[in-house]
Protein backbone atom coordinates (compact mmCIF):
# COMPACT_ATOMS: atom_id res chain seq x y z
CA MET A 1 209.74 264.23 74.22
CA LEU A 2 212.52 263.89 76.75
CA ASN A 3 212.07 262.01 79.96
CA LYS A 4 213.29 263.31 83.31
CA ILE A 5 216.57 261.37 83.17
CA ASP A 6 217.39 262.87 79.77
CA GLU A 7 216.48 266.35 81.02
CA ASN A 8 218.79 265.94 84.02
CA ARG A 9 221.60 264.63 81.81
CA ASN A 10 221.17 267.53 79.39
CA SER A 11 221.25 270.05 82.22
CA TYR A 12 224.38 268.51 83.68
CA LEU A 13 226.22 268.38 80.36
CA SER A 14 225.16 271.93 79.51
CA SER A 15 226.46 273.13 82.88
CA LEU A 16 229.86 271.72 81.88
CA GLY A 17 229.79 273.63 78.61
CA PHE A 18 228.70 270.83 76.30
CA ALA A 19 226.07 271.34 73.61
CA VAL A 20 223.57 268.50 73.57
CA LEU A 21 222.31 267.66 70.10
CA ARG A 22 219.60 265.13 69.42
CA PHE A 23 218.75 263.64 66.06
CA GLU A 24 216.23 261.11 64.90
CA THR A 25 217.71 257.68 64.24
CA ARG A 26 216.71 257.86 60.58
CA PHE A 27 219.16 260.71 60.01
CA VAL A 28 222.01 258.76 61.55
CA PHE A 29 221.59 255.88 59.13
CA ARG A 30 220.08 257.52 56.05
CA ASP A 31 221.59 260.98 55.90
CA PRO A 32 224.90 261.31 57.76
CA GLU A 33 225.81 264.33 55.62
CA TYR A 34 222.85 266.17 57.12
CA LEU A 35 224.16 265.36 60.59
CA LYS A 36 227.61 266.65 59.73
CA SER A 37 226.09 269.84 58.38
CA GLU A 38 223.99 270.42 61.50
CA ILE A 39 226.92 269.72 63.83
CA ARG A 40 229.12 272.13 61.88
CA LYS A 41 226.44 274.84 62.20
CA VAL A 42 226.42 274.48 65.98
CA LEU A 43 230.21 274.45 66.19
CA ASN A 44 230.48 277.54 63.98
CA LYS A 45 227.97 279.41 66.14
CA ARG A 46 229.88 278.48 69.29
CA ASN A 47 233.18 279.56 67.73
CA GLU A 48 231.69 282.91 66.67
CA SER A 49 230.39 283.61 70.15
CA THR A 50 233.68 282.70 71.85
CA GLY A 51 236.06 283.90 69.16
């Protein structure tokens, strides 16, 4: 669950056109390939919608 500061930060970054992605720490250290895959999915979706 996000706290108010995180919600405000997410809103601000989103207003600037950034996609905010959050992952559990375990994925960062144990499965970086999963992270790369998920990030690519988001980037591909954004490229399709702007392309």
